Protein backbone atom coordinates (compact mmCIF):
# COMPACT_ATOMS: atom_id res chain seq x y z
CA UNK A 1 -15.34 -19.93 -13.02
CA UNK A 2 -14.42 -16.24 -13.05
CA UNK A 3 -15.57 -15.80 -9.45
CA UNK A 4 -13.32 -18.67 -8.33
CA UNK A 5 -10.36 -17.05 -10.05
CA UNK A 6 -11.16 -13.72 -8.37
CA UNK A 7 -11.40 -15.42 -4.97
CA UNK A 8 -8.01 -17.07 -5.57
CA UNK A 9 -6.64 -13.62 -6.47
CA UNK A 10 -8.02 -12.18 -3.22
CA UNK A 11 -6.38 -14.99 -1.27
CA UNK A 12 -3.04 -14.38 -2.97
CA UNK A 13 -3.28 -10.64 -2.30
CA UNK A 14 -3.96 -11.39 1.37
CA UNK A 15 -0.92 -13.70 1.54
CA UNK A 16 1.18 -11.01 -0.12
CA UNK A 17 0.07 -8.45 2.47
CA UNK A 18 0.94 -10.89 5.27
CA UNK A 19 4.42 -11.37 3.82
CA UNK A 20 4.84 -7.59 3.55
CA UNK A 21 3.83 -7.21 7.20
CA UNK A 22 6.54 -9.68 8.16
CA UNK A 23 9.02 -7.61 6.15
CA UNK A 24 7.89 -4.46 7.95
CA UNK A 25 8.44 -5.98 11.39
CA UNK A 26 11.66 -7.90 10.61
CA UNK A 27 13.05 -5.72 7.82
CA UNK A 28 16.81 -5.32 7.97
CA UNK A 29 16.71 -1.69 6.89
CA UNK A 30 14.38 1.27 6.70
CA UNK A 31 14.15 1.28 2.85
CA UNK A 32 12.98 -2.36 2.98
CA UNK A 33 10.20 -1.33 5.33
CA UNK A 34 9.24 1.59 3.06
CA UNK A 35 8.97 -0.72 0.04
CA UNK A 36 6.87 -3.16 2.06
CA UNK A 37 4.48 -0.37 3.06
CA UNK A 38 4.16 0.68 -0.56
CA UNK A 39 3.53 -2.93 -1.52
CA UNK A 40 0.72 -3.16 1.03
CA UNK A 41 -0.89 -0.06 -0.46
CA UNK A 42 -0.77 -1.48 -3.99
CA UNK A 43 -2.15 -4.83 -2.83
CA UNK A 44 -4.99 -3.14 -0.92
CA UNK A 45 -5.93 -1.17 -4.02
CA UNK A 46 -5.91 -4.40 -6.03
CA UNK A 47 -8.01 -6.19 -3.43
CA UNK A 48 -10.61 -3.43 -3.39
CA UNK A 49 -10.77 -3.55 -7.20
CA UNK A 50 -11.31 -7.32 -7.18
CA UNK A 51 -13.97 -7.00 -4.47
CA UNK A 52 -15.67 -4.36 -6.61
CA UNK A 53 -15.70 -6.77 -9.54
CA UNK A 54 -17.01 -9.65 -7.42
CA UNK A 55 -19.83 -7.53 -5.99
CA UNK A 56 -20.53 -5.97 -9.42
CA UNK A 57 -20.59 -2.43 -8.10
CA UNK A 58 -18.77 0.82 -8.75
CA UNK A 59 -19.15 2.02 -5.17
CA UNK A 60 -15.55 1.22 -4.26
CA UNK A 61 -13.92 3.22 -7.04
CA UNK A 62 -13.72 6.35 -4.88
CA UNK A 63 -12.08 4.33 -2.12
CA UNK A 64 -9.50 3.07 -4.63
CA UNK A 65 -8.73 6.62 -5.71
CA UNK A 66 -8.37 7.91 -2.15
CA UNK A 67 -6.24 4.95 -1.08
CA UNK A 68 -4.00 5.45 -4.12
CA UNK A 69 -3.47 9.12 -3.28
CA UNK A 70 -2.75 8.32 0.38
CA UNK A 71 -0.34 5.52 -0.55
CA UNK A 72 1.54 7.85 -2.89
CA UNK A 73 1.82 10.64 -0.32
CA UNK A 74 2.92 8.23 2.41
CA UNK A 75 5.57 6.73 0.13
CA UNK A 76 6.95 10.19 -0.59
CA UNK A 77 6.95 11.08 3.12
CA UNK A 78 8.68 7.85 4.16
CA UNK A 79 11.27 8.23 1.41
CA UNK A 80 12.01 11.78 2.51
CA UNK A 81 12.32 10.64 6.12
CA UNK A 82 14.68 7.80 5.18
CA UNK A 83 16.85 10.12 3.09
CA UNK A 84 17.01 13.23 5.28
CA UNK A 85 15.72 12.24 8.71
CA UNK A 86 12.86 14.76 8.67
CA UNK A 87 9.64 15.00 6.73
CA UNK A 88 8.99 18.74 6.92
CA UNK A 89 12.03 20.96 6.62
CA UNK A 90 11.92 24.30 8.37
CA UNK A 91 14.28 27.06 7.46
CA UNK A 92 16.00 28.61 10.46
CA UNK A 93 17.26 32.17 10.73
CA UNK A 94 20.65 31.06 12.07
C-alpha cells in the first residue's frame, strides 16, 4: 500500500516537472521562468527522496544535499540576473 502511494507521488512529481518545463519555455516573463526552475529543483529533490524510500537505501542522501545546494545557488544567480542584468559585478576604475 505504501509503495503504491509512493509511486503515485513520483508520478505527480513528474507531471509537476513537465508543467514547470512548459512554463519555462512559454513563460511570459523572466521571473516566471526563474520560479519554474526553482520548482523543478524542489521537485527533483522530492523525487530523489521518494526513490530513496522506495529502494530502502540512504545512498541518495548526498545527492539530495548537493542538488539542494545547486538549486539554491542557481536561484540566487537567476534572481540577480533578472534584477540587475549581470550575475557577477565587476568594479571599474572609471
